[in-house]
């Protein structure tokens, strides 16, 4: 081991540091005795202007690319310790020793609701890292972590607007005022008039940024270029997954904002357009309550009747002018909806099959049909589940049932127009943010505003449809 002391007055501190390190980390101390590590104490040889230089590495190591050299490899084999580079307070990079942590994939809030991903329970995988890559026959299919999903963007019409870099977004709405008169020929009323006017209104939302950052390191890029020549044929796929995952995070945040909005900035989501109605009022019952009722022999019939009544109540104010209706519920409610028998005595079909027979057969996650001649699509969305089911966007324990209407004929010419709009001035842009020593940080940016719903009857939301908690 080599001990360097810049100032003789620091020799006592150096000796104490030396002994402390030896007691705290005998493996590292053993490596130091084998002259694998230099311990320097005192002022670092750093130029004043170099600290803020983003490409500065430190001392005599400018431009040096760090990798697993013979010393680091020996430390791994000898002491089973992990080594990583961290920036210290001087803006340089120091070598730190840290025991490898016995965990595998790092779960995050966006995907924890899926659970079930195989975790490493056998401790540090150092032994596995010592296998020669060329002696491994890799399965070429890369298994990707299951992630949550949402169909919120299918319930709205995305609007880019005219300026992707604006700070606010607005939508104009026009309505008429005034009336015509019916009078007797020659009557006094013929000399009176009430002019028809067009009233212009404006809805506004603040534009907010959704950004996700990720790094592409020099090592990753070189490994991807080498592909199979590096011993690991999936390097390119792993690199691509990082970028795909950044986009997924951005999209899932946007979908959460479509439903719940952002209180801090005042951006309104579907939940903020109209007052939310509690489902379990009057004779209505939550689906979980119906399912658990042993005395009820016609559970599916109850579910069918409740839902049909709610759908009719939603359609009536629009006078059947809606072009299409979406009914979206939580995954848990949807699974009850599709499994509870219509009748234990007369018909063992579930409510979904009854809908399929009454309407038309639907797709994988939806059933389509019509009520009053208006197409209706029934589907599910994990974003409408309660907070206890892995949905961190919903702070409540209950779930939601959301009725939305896509389009409606309006205006004197009965023109078909969208009823629910969501502002997204900038769908995506990717740009390098910070060049660093061995990597470049990229920023995935999306700019959104909020829900524009000029016709409030196009949205109706119930709380506690599937369960209260």
Protein backbone atom coordinates (compact mmCIF):
# COMPACT_ATOMS: atom_id res chain seq x y z
CA UNK A 1 0.00 0.00 0.00
CA UNK A 2 1.15 3.55 -0.75
CA UNK A 3 0.24 6.33 1.73
CA UNK A 4 0.63 9.91 0.53
CA UNK A 5 0.34 12.83 2.96
CA UNK A 6 0.37 16.29 1.40
CA UNK A 7 1.08 18.04 4.71
CA UNK A 8 3.12 16.57 7.59
CA UNK A 9 0.64 18.07 10.05
CA UNK A 10 -1.92 15.66 8.67
CA UNK A 11 0.11 12.56 9.43
CA UNK A 12 -1.86 11.90 12.63
CA UNK A 13 -5.13 12.09 10.72
CA UNK A 14 -3.67 9.85 8.05
CA UNK A 15 -2.65 7.26 10.61
CA UNK A 16 -6.10 7.35 12.23
CA UNK A 17 -7.82 7.06 8.86
CA UNK A 18 -5.56 4.17 7.97
CA UNK A 19 -6.39 2.27 11.17
CA UNK A 20 -10.12 3.07 10.95
CA UNK A 21 -10.31 1.79 7.40
CA UNK A 22 -8.43 -1.36 8.37
CA UNK A 23 -10.91 -2.08 11.19
CA UNK A 24 -14.01 -1.16 9.20
CA UNK A 25 -13.17 -2.92 5.95
CA UNK A 26 -10.63 -5.71 6.39
CA UNK A 27 -11.15 -6.88 2.81
CA UNK A 28 -10.37 -3.47 1.43
CA UNK A 29 -7.46 -3.15 3.85
CA UNK A 30 -6.11 -6.46 2.62
CA UNK A 31 -6.30 -5.15 -0.94
CA UNK A 32 -4.48 -2.00 0.10
CA UNK A 33 -1.66 -4.08 1.59
CA UNK A 34 -1.32 -5.77 -1.78
CA UNK A 35 -0.62 -2.32 -3.25
CA UNK A 36 -3.92 -2.23 -5.16
CA UNK A 37 -5.03 1.15 -3.79
CA UNK A 38 -3.39 4.49 -3.10
CA UNK A 39 -4.64 6.48 -0.11
CA UNK A 40 -4.03 10.21 -0.47
CA UNK A 41 -4.78 12.77 2.22
CA UNK A 42 -4.49 16.50 1.69
CA UNK A 43 -5.44 19.12 -0.86
CA UNK A 44 -6.24 17.62 -4.24
CA UNK A 45 -4.33 18.83 -7.25
CA UNK A 46 -7.33 20.48 -8.90
CA UNK A 47 -7.28 23.51 -11.13
CA UNK A 48 -9.86 26.08 -9.97
CA UNK A 49 -11.63 26.32 -13.32
CA UNK A 50 -11.74 22.59 -13.86
CA UNK A 51 -14.30 21.90 -11.14
CA UNK A 52 -17.17 23.28 -13.22
CA UNK A 53 -15.95 21.71 -16.45
CA UNK A 54 -18.53 19.01 -17.36
CA UNK A 55 -15.91 16.85 -19.06
CA UNK A 56 -13.36 17.11 -16.28
CA UNK A 57 -12.50 13.82 -14.60
CA UNK A 58 -9.91 14.85 -12.07
CA UNK A 59 -6.16 15.28 -11.66
CA UNK A 60 -4.25 13.35 -14.32
CA UNK A 61 -7.23 11.30 -15.50
CA UNK A 62 -8.67 13.74 -18.06
CA UNK A 63 -10.15 11.78 -20.94
CA UNK A 64 -9.54 8.41 -19.35
CA UNK A 65 -12.31 5.83 -19.86
CA UNK A 66 -12.87 3.76 -16.75
CA UNK A 67 -13.64 0.07 -17.08
CA UNK A 68 -13.06 -3.16 -15.19
CA UNK A 69 -9.30 -3.38 -15.01
CA UNK A 70 -7.19 -6.09 -13.42
CA UNK A 71 -7.15 -4.40 -10.00
CA UNK A 72 -10.92 -3.99 -9.84
CA UNK A 73 -11.44 -7.52 -11.11
CA UNK A 74 -9.12 -8.83 -8.40
CA UNK A 75 -11.06 -6.96 -5.74
CA UNK A 76 -14.32 -8.53 -6.91
CA UNK A 77 -12.85 -12.01 -6.80
CA UNK A 78 -10.99 -11.54 -3.55
CA UNK A 79 -13.50 -9.72 -1.36
CA UNK A 80 -16.86 -9.88 -3.15
CA UNK A 81 -17.21 -6.14 -2.91
CA UNK A 82 -18.85 -3.83 -5.42
CA UNK A 83 -17.07 -0.75 -6.72
CA UNK A 84 -18.73 2.29 -8.18
CA UNK A 85 -17.74 5.84 -9.12
CA UNK A 86 -19.43 8.75 -7.38
CA UNK A 87 -18.79 12.50 -7.73
CA UNK A 88 -17.41 14.03 -4.56
CA UNK A 89 -17.81 17.58 -3.33
CA UNK A 90 -15.01 18.81 -5.59
CA UNK A 91 -16.82 17.72 -8.75
CA UNK A 92 -14.40 14.82 -9.32
CA UNK A 93 -14.96 11.09 -9.25
CA UNK A 94 -13.69 8.90 -6.41
CA UNK A 95 -13.72 5.14 -6.00
CA UNK A 96 -16.05 3.96 -3.24
CA UNK A 97 -16.35 0.47 -1.83
CA UNK A 98 -19.87 -0.86 -1.23
CA UNK A 99 -21.23 -4.32 -0.51
CA UNK A 100 -23.49 -5.52 -3.32
CA UNK A 101 -27.16 -5.35 -2.31
CA UNK A 102 -29.21 -8.58 -2.34
CA UNK A 103 -31.99 -7.34 -4.57
CA UNK A 104 -32.91 -7.70 -8.19
CA UNK A 105 -35.21 -5.56 -10.29
CA UNK A 106 -35.96 -2.23 -8.67
CA UNK A 107 -39.75 -1.88 -8.50
CA UNK A 108 -41.16 1.59 -9.06
CA UNK A 109 -44.49 3.21 -8.36
CA UNK A 110 -45.66 2.98 -11.95
CA UNK A 111 -45.44 -0.80 -12.22
CA UNK A 112 -45.66 -2.14 -8.67
CA UNK A 113 -49.38 -2.77 -9.17
CA UNK A 114 -48.48 -5.61 -11.54
CA UNK A 115 -46.31 -7.43 -8.95
CA UNK A 116 -45.24 -10.97 -9.73
CA UNK A 117 -41.88 -10.12 -11.30
CA UNK A 118 -39.14 -12.56 -10.30
CA UNK A 119 -36.82 -10.95 -7.77
CA UNK A 120 -33.33 -12.05 -6.83
CA UNK A 121 -33.57 -13.62 -3.38
CA UNK A 122 -30.21 -15.39 -3.32
CA UNK A 123 -28.05 -12.44 -2.37
CA UNK A 124 -25.31 -10.74 -4.42
CA UNK A 125 -24.93 -12.08 -7.92
CA UNK A 126 -21.16 -11.64 -7.97
CA UNK A 127 -20.64 -15.34 -8.56
CA UNK A 128 -22.86 -15.17 -11.63
CA UNK A 129 -20.92 -12.20 -12.96
CA UNK A 130 -17.75 -14.31 -13.00
CA UNK A 131 -19.20 -16.60 -15.68
CA UNK A 132 -17.58 -16.14 -19.03
CA UNK A 133 -20.18 -14.52 -21.38
CA UNK A 134 -18.87 -16.63 -24.24
CA UNK A 135 -19.72 -19.82 -22.32
CA UNK A 136 -23.40 -18.85 -22.04
CA UNK A 137 -26.08 -19.77 -24.58
CA UNK A 138 -28.40 -16.78 -24.37
CA UNK A 139 -32.13 -17.06 -25.01
CA UNK A 140 -32.65 -14.40 -27.64
CA UNK A 141 -36.07 -13.35 -26.35
CA UNK A 142 -35.69 -10.59 -23.77
CA UNK A 143 -38.37 -10.79 -21.09
CA UNK A 144 -39.72 -7.33 -20.29
CA UNK A 145 -41.24 -6.36 -16.97
CA UNK A 146 -45.08 -6.35 -17.04
CA UNK A 147 -46.37 -2.78 -16.81
CA UNK A 148 -49.71 -1.20 -16.11
CA UNK A 149 -51.76 0.39 -18.89
CA UNK A 150 -54.56 2.86 -19.54
CA UNK A 151 -57.08 3.66 -22.24
CA UNK A 152 -57.68 7.25 -21.07
CA UNK A 153 -56.40 8.67 -24.35
CA UNK A 154 -59.15 6.75 -26.19
CA UNK A 155 -61.83 8.69 -24.30
CA UNK A 156 -60.68 12.12 -25.50
CA UNK A 157 -59.62 13.83 -28.69
CA UNK A 158 -56.00 15.01 -28.53
CA UNK A 159 -55.57 18.62 -29.59
CA UNK A 160 -52.13 19.99 -30.50
CA UNK A 161 -53.27 23.56 -31.07
CA UNK A 162 -51.26 26.17 -32.94
CA UNK A 163 -48.17 26.66 -30.75
CA UNK A 164 -46.24 23.76 -29.18
CA UNK A 165 -44.28 26.13 -26.88
CA UNK A 166 -47.21 28.21 -25.59
CA UNK A 167 -47.75 28.71 -21.84
CA UNK A 168 -51.52 28.32 -22.07
CA UNK A 169 -54.03 26.69 -24.38
CA UNK A 170 -57.51 27.93 -25.21
CA UNK A 171 -60.63 26.68 -26.94
CA UNK A 172 -63.34 28.95 -28.33
CA UNK A 173 -67.04 28.10 -28.15
CA UNK A 174 -69.89 29.92 -29.81
CA UNK A 175 -73.53 30.02 -28.76
CA UNK A 176 -76.55 31.90 -30.09
CA UNK A 177 -79.01 34.25 -28.38
CA UNK A 178 -82.23 35.91 -29.44
CA UNK A 179 -85.44 34.52 -30.90
CA UNK A 180 -87.97 34.78 -33.66
CA UNK A 181 -91.56 36.02 -33.34
CA UNK A 182 -94.93 34.77 -34.53
CA UNK A 183 -97.44 37.58 -34.91
CA UNK A 184 -100.68 38.40 -36.70
CA UNK A 185 -100.39 40.24 -40.00
CA UNK A 186 -100.87 43.96 -39.35
CA UNK A 187 -100.28 43.56 -35.61
CA UNK A 188 -98.25 46.01 -33.53
CA UNK A 189 -95.63 43.35 -32.87
CA UNK A 190 -94.51 43.50 -36.49
CA UNK A 191 -92.65 46.74 -35.77
CA UNK A 192 -90.63 45.19 -32.91
CA UNK A 193 -87.50 43.02 -33.32
CA UNK A 194 -84.99 41.06 -31.27
CA UNK A 195 -81.77 40.55 -33.21
CA UNK A 196 -80.07 37.19 -33.08
CA UNK A 197 -76.51 37.36 -31.70
CA UNK A 198 -73.57 34.98 -31.60
CA UNK A 199 -71.84 34.83 -28.22
CA UNK A 200 -68.19 33.80 -28.17
CA UNK A 201 -66.76 32.10 -25.06
CA UNK A 202 -63.26 30.83 -24.30
CA UNK A 203 -62.02 27.91 -22.19
CA UNK A 204 -58.39 28.03 -21.06
CA UNK A 205 -55.89 25.67 -19.43
CA UNK A 206 -52.29 26.21 -18.36
CA UNK A 207 -49.68 24.20 -20.26
CA UNK A 208 -47.46 21.99 -18.08
CA UNK A 209 -44.43 19.85 -18.89
CA UNK A 210 -44.07 16.11 -18.43
CA UNK A 211 -40.41 15.20 -18.67
CA UNK A 212 -38.47 11.99 -18.16
CA UNK A 213 -34.69 11.79 -18.25
CA UNK A 214 -32.42 8.88 -19.03
CA UNK A 215 -28.73 8.40 -19.71
CA UNK A 216 -26.90 6.65 -22.51
CA UNK A 217 -23.45 5.73 -21.28
CA UNK A 218 -20.33 5.28 -23.34
CA UNK A 219 -20.17 1.68 -22.18
CA UNK A 220 -23.78 0.93 -23.19
CA UNK A 221 -23.34 2.39 -26.64
CA UNK A 222 -20.11 0.50 -27.29
CA UNK A 223 -21.64 -2.74 -26.01
CA UNK A 224 -24.66 -2.26 -28.26
CA UNK A 225 -22.40 -1.61 -31.24
CA UNK A 226 -20.48 -4.80 -30.54
CA UNK A 227 -23.74 -6.73 -30.12
CA UNK A 228 -22.95 -10.46 -30.07
CA UNK A 229 -19.21 -9.80 -30.34
CA UNK A 230 -19.27 -8.50 -26.76
CA UNK A 231 -20.53 -11.84 -25.47
CA UNK A 232 -24.00 -10.43 -24.69
CA UNK A 233 -26.27 -10.41 -27.77
CA UNK A 234 -29.14 -8.48 -26.13
CA UNK A 235 -27.26 -5.24 -25.37
CA UNK A 236 -29.04 -3.34 -28.13
CA UNK A 237 -32.46 -4.49 -26.91
CA UNK A 238 -31.70 -3.36 -23.35
CA UNK A 239 -30.66 0.05 -24.62
CA UNK A 240 -33.83 0.39 -26.70
CA UNK A 241 -35.94 -0.68 -23.71
CA UNK A 242 -34.61 2.22 -21.64
CA UNK A 243 -35.89 4.66 -24.27
CA UNK A 244 -39.21 2.84 -24.63
CA UNK A 245 -39.64 2.86 -20.86
CA UNK A 246 -39.11 6.64 -20.76
CA UNK A 247 -41.89 7.08 -23.33
CA UNK A 248 -44.18 4.73 -21.38
CA UNK A 249 -43.69 6.73 -18.18
CA UNK A 250 -44.53 9.95 -20.02
CA UNK A 251 -47.69 8.43 -21.55
CA UNK A 252 -48.90 6.89 -18.28
CA UNK A 253 -48.49 10.21 -16.45
CA UNK A 254 -50.47 11.95 -19.20
CA UNK A 255 -53.25 9.34 -18.92
CA UNK A 256 -53.38 9.89 -15.17
CA UNK A 257 -53.73 13.63 -15.77
CA UNK A 258 -56.55 13.00 -18.24
CA UNK A 259 -58.55 11.38 -15.45
CA UNK A 260 -57.45 13.23 -12.33
CA UNK A 261 -55.91 16.50 -13.51
CA UNK A 262 -53.18 18.31 -11.60
CA UNK A 263 -54.38 20.26 -8.57
CA UNK A 264 -51.13 22.14 -8.02
CA UNK A 265 -51.26 23.83 -11.43
CA UNK A 266 -55.06 23.95 -11.72
CA UNK A 267 -55.22 21.67 -14.76
CA UNK A 268 -58.61 19.96 -14.88
CA UNK A 269 -59.15 16.27 -15.65
CA UNK A 270 -62.32 14.30 -16.31
CA UNK A 271 -62.93 14.00 -12.56
CA UNK A 272 -63.09 17.78 -12.19
CA UNK A 273 -65.70 18.62 -14.85
CA UNK A 274 -68.87 17.62 -12.95
CA UNK A 275 -69.69 16.59 -9.39
CA UNK A 276 -69.03 12.88 -8.84
CA UNK A 277 -72.07 10.82 -7.80
CA UNK A 278 -71.85 8.05 -5.21
CA UNK A 279 -73.06 4.80 -6.78
CA UNK A 280 -74.42 3.01 -3.71
CA UNK A 281 -77.46 5.23 -3.21
CA UNK A 282 -81.11 4.20 -3.28
CA UNK A 283 -81.39 0.64 -4.53
CA UNK A 284 -77.97 0.66 -6.21
CA UNK A 285 -75.29 -1.61 -4.78
CA UNK A 286 -71.56 -1.92 -5.46
CA UNK A 287 -70.68 -4.93 -7.59
CA UNK A 288 -68.61 -6.47 -4.80
CA UNK A 289 -71.63 -6.24 -2.47
CA UNK A 290 -73.85 -7.96 -5.02
CA UNK A 291 -71.26 -10.67 -5.59
CA UNK A 292 -70.96 -11.37 -1.84
CA UNK A 293 -74.73 -11.56 -1.27
CA UNK A 294 -75.40 -15.30 -0.83
CA UNK A 295 -79.18 -14.74 -0.70
CA UNK A 296 -79.30 -13.11 -4.11
CA UNK A 297 -79.86 -15.74 -6.82
CA UNK A 298 -80.02 -13.21 -9.66
CA UNK A 299 -76.79 -11.25 -9.18
CA UNK A 300 -76.13 -10.68 -12.88
CA UNK A 301 -79.68 -9.46 -13.36
CA UNK A 302 -79.16 -6.85 -10.63
CA UNK A 303 -75.90 -5.72 -12.24
CA UNK A 304 -77.54 -5.51 -15.67
CA UNK A 305 -80.52 -3.50 -14.46
CA UNK A 306 -78.38 -1.04 -12.50
CA UNK A 307 -76.01 -0.43 -15.39
CA UNK A 308 -78.74 -0.08 -18.00
CA UNK A 309 -80.56 2.49 -15.85
CA UNK A 310 -77.35 4.52 -15.44
CA UNK A 311 -76.67 4.40 -19.19
CA UNK A 312 -80.19 5.61 -20.01
CA UNK A 313 -79.85 8.40 -17.43
CA UNK A 314 -76.62 9.49 -19.13
CA UNK A 315 -78.12 9.48 -22.64
CA UNK A 316 -81.41 11.26 -21.92
CA UNK A 317 -80.01 14.82 -21.44
CA UNK A 318 -78.25 14.56 -24.82
CA UNK A 319 -81.53 13.65 -26.54
CA UNK A 320 -79.87 10.68 -28.20
CA UNK A 321 -77.63 12.92 -30.30
CA UNK A 322 -74.39 11.32 -29.10
CA UNK A 323 -72.57 9.33 -31.76
CA UNK A 324 -70.86 6.89 -29.36
CA UNK A 325 -70.67 6.31 -25.61
CA UNK A 326 -67.85 4.80 -23.52
CA UNK A 327 -68.54 3.21 -20.13
CA UNK A 328 -65.19 2.59 -18.42
CA UNK A 329 -64.79 0.92 -15.03
CA UNK A 330 -62.03 -0.49 -12.83
CA UNK A 331 -60.46 -3.83 -13.72
CA UNK A 332 -61.88 -5.39 -10.52
CA UNK A 333 -65.42 -4.21 -11.33
CA UNK A 334 -65.07 -5.39 -14.93
CA UNK A 335 -64.01 -8.86 -13.79
CA UNK A 336 -67.06 -9.15 -11.56
CA UNK A 337 -69.17 -7.80 -14.42
CA UNK A 338 -67.94 -10.59 -16.67
CA UNK A 339 -68.13 -13.48 -14.20
CA UNK A 340 -71.20 -13.20 -11.96
CA UNK A 341 -74.09 -15.42 -13.23
CA UNK A 342 -77.12 -13.58 -14.52
CA UNK A 343 -79.39 -15.97 -12.60
CA UNK A 344 -78.63 -19.06 -10.54
CA UNK A 345 -82.08 -20.43 -11.37
CA UNK A 346 -82.98 -19.39 -14.91
CA UNK A 347 -79.80 -18.40 -16.75
CA UNK A 348 -76.22 -19.14 -15.70
CA UNK A 349 -74.73 -16.70 -18.23
CA UNK A 350 -72.80 -13.77 -16.82
CA UNK A 351 -73.88 -10.17 -17.23
CA UNK A 352 -71.34 -9.57 -19.98
CA UNK A 353 -72.78 -12.42 -22.06
CA UNK A 354 -76.27 -11.03 -21.55
CA UNK A 355 -74.99 -7.69 -22.84
CA UNK A 356 -73.39 -9.53 -25.74
CA UNK A 357 -76.73 -11.16 -26.56
CA UNK A 358 -78.69 -7.97 -26.05
CA UNK A 359 -76.14 -5.90 -27.98
CA UNK A 360 -73.30 -7.16 -30.16
CA UNK A 361 -70.21 -9.19 -29.30
CA UNK A 362 -67.31 -6.98 -28.23
CA UNK A 363 -63.54 -7.18 -28.32
CA UNK A 364 -60.95 -8.43 -25.86
CA UNK A 365 -61.46 -5.85 -23.10
CA UNK A 366 -64.76 -4.31 -24.17
CA UNK A 367 -68.28 -5.21 -25.21
CA UNK A 368 -70.04 -3.08 -27.79
CA UNK A 369 -73.68 -2.62 -28.59
CA UNK A 370 -76.27 0.13 -28.53
CA UNK A 371 -78.87 1.72 -26.31
CA UNK A 372 -81.51 3.81 -28.01
CA UNK A 373 -79.65 3.26 -31.29
CA UNK A 374 -76.45 4.80 -29.87
CA UNK A 375 -73.31 2.61 -29.88
CA UNK A 376 -71.96 1.96 -26.38
CA UNK A 377 -68.61 0.42 -25.48
CA UNK A 378 -68.01 -1.07 -22.03
CA UNK A 379 -64.39 -1.45 -20.97
CA UNK A 380 -61.98 -1.28 -18.04
CA UNK A 381 -58.95 0.74 -17.00
CA UNK A 382 -56.50 0.14 -14.10
CA UNK A 383 -56.41 3.92 -13.57
CA UNK A 384 -59.98 3.78 -12.23
CA UNK A 385 -59.12 1.28 -9.49
CA UNK A 386 -58.92 2.31 -5.84
CA UNK A 387 -55.67 3.24 -4.14
CA UNK A 388 -55.47 -0.18 -2.50
CA UNK A 389 -55.13 -1.85 -5.91
CA UNK A 390 -51.84 -0.32 -6.98
CA UNK A 391 -53.29 2.88 -8.49
CA UNK A 392 -51.36 5.77 -6.94
CA UNK A 393 -53.18 8.34 -9.09
CA UNK A 394 -56.39 7.68 -7.12
CA UNK A 395 -56.02 8.78 -3.51
CA UNK A 396 -59.39 7.24 -2.57
CA UNK A 397 -60.04 3.62 -1.61
CA UNK A 398 -63.05 3.31 -3.93
CA UNK A 399 -63.09 2.88 -7.70
CA UNK A 400 -64.91 4.79 -10.45
CA UNK A 401 -67.32 4.22 -13.33
CA UNK A 402 -66.89 6.82 -16.09
CA UNK A 403 -69.46 7.53 -18.81
CA UNK A 404 -68.20 9.67 -21.70
CA UNK A 405 -69.65 10.59 -25.08
CA UNK A 406 -67.28 10.84 -28.04
CA UNK A 407 -69.14 13.00 -30.50
CA UNK A 408 -72.43 14.82 -30.94
CA UNK A 409 -74.18 16.62 -33.77
CA UNK A 410 -74.35 20.34 -32.99
CA UNK A 411 -74.92 23.72 -34.54
CA UNK A 412 -77.60 24.72 -37.06
CA UNK A 413 -76.06 22.39 -39.64
CA UNK A 414 -76.00 19.38 -37.26
CA UNK A 415 -72.26 19.03 -37.72
CA UNK A 416 -70.54 16.15 -35.94
CA UNK A 417 -67.93 17.41 -33.49
CA UNK A 418 -65.92 16.00 -30.59
CA UNK A 419 -67.22 16.62 -27.09
CA UNK A 420 -64.14 15.98 -24.90
CA UNK A 421 -60.77 17.41 -25.89
CA UNK A 422 -57.39 17.08 -24.21
CA UNK A 423 -54.71 19.63 -24.90
CA UNK A 424 -51.32 18.26 -25.90
CA UNK A 425 -49.38 21.07 -27.64
CA UNK A 426 -46.27 18.89 -27.88
CA UNK A 427 -46.65 15.12 -28.12
CA UNK A 428 -42.93 14.40 -27.71
CA UNK A 429 -39.44 15.71 -28.22
CA UNK A 430 -36.15 14.10 -27.19
CA UNK A 431 -32.99 16.14 -26.75
CA UNK A 432 -29.64 15.83 -24.93
CA UNK A 433 -29.75 17.71 -21.65
CA UNK A 434 -26.40 17.33 -19.88
CA UNK A 435 -23.16 15.97 -21.35
CA UNK A 436 -21.32 14.17 -18.57
CA UNK A 437 -18.00 12.38 -18.08
CA UNK A 438 -19.02 8.97 -19.37
CA UNK A 439 -22.62 9.48 -20.44
CA UNK A 440 -25.10 11.88 -21.95
CA UNK A 441 -28.40 12.61 -20.26
CA UNK A 442 -31.43 12.84 -22.55
CA UNK A 443 -34.76 14.44 -21.75
CA UNK A 444 -38.05 13.08 -23.08
CA UNK A 445 -40.47 16.01 -23.02
CA UNK A 446 -44.24 16.12 -23.48
CA UNK A 447 -46.35 19.28 -23.02
CA UNK A 448 -50.02 19.02 -22.03
CA UNK A 449 -52.77 21.26 -20.68
CA UNK A 450 -56.04 19.66 -19.60
CA UNK A 451 -59.60 18.66 -20.43
CA UNK A 452 -61.74 20.96 -22.57
CA UNK A 453 -65.37 19.91 -22.26
CA UNK A 454 -67.70 22.64 -23.59
CA UNK A 455 -70.72 20.35 -23.16
CA UNK A 456 -70.78 19.09 -19.57
CA UNK A 457 -73.43 16.43 -20.20
CA UNK A 458 -70.80 14.44 -22.11
CA UNK A 459 -69.22 13.29 -18.81
CA UNK A 460 -70.81 11.43 -15.89
CA UNK A 461 -68.76 9.75 -13.14
CA UNK A 462 -69.83 7.45 -10.30
CA UNK A 463 -67.68 6.56 -7.30
CA UNK A 464 -67.72 3.15 -5.62
CA UNK A 465 -69.19 1.24 -8.55
CA UNK A 466 -67.10 -1.87 -7.98
CA UNK A 467 -66.28 -1.44 -4.30
CA UNK A 468 -66.06 1.16 -1.54
CA UNK A 469 -62.63 0.05 -0.31
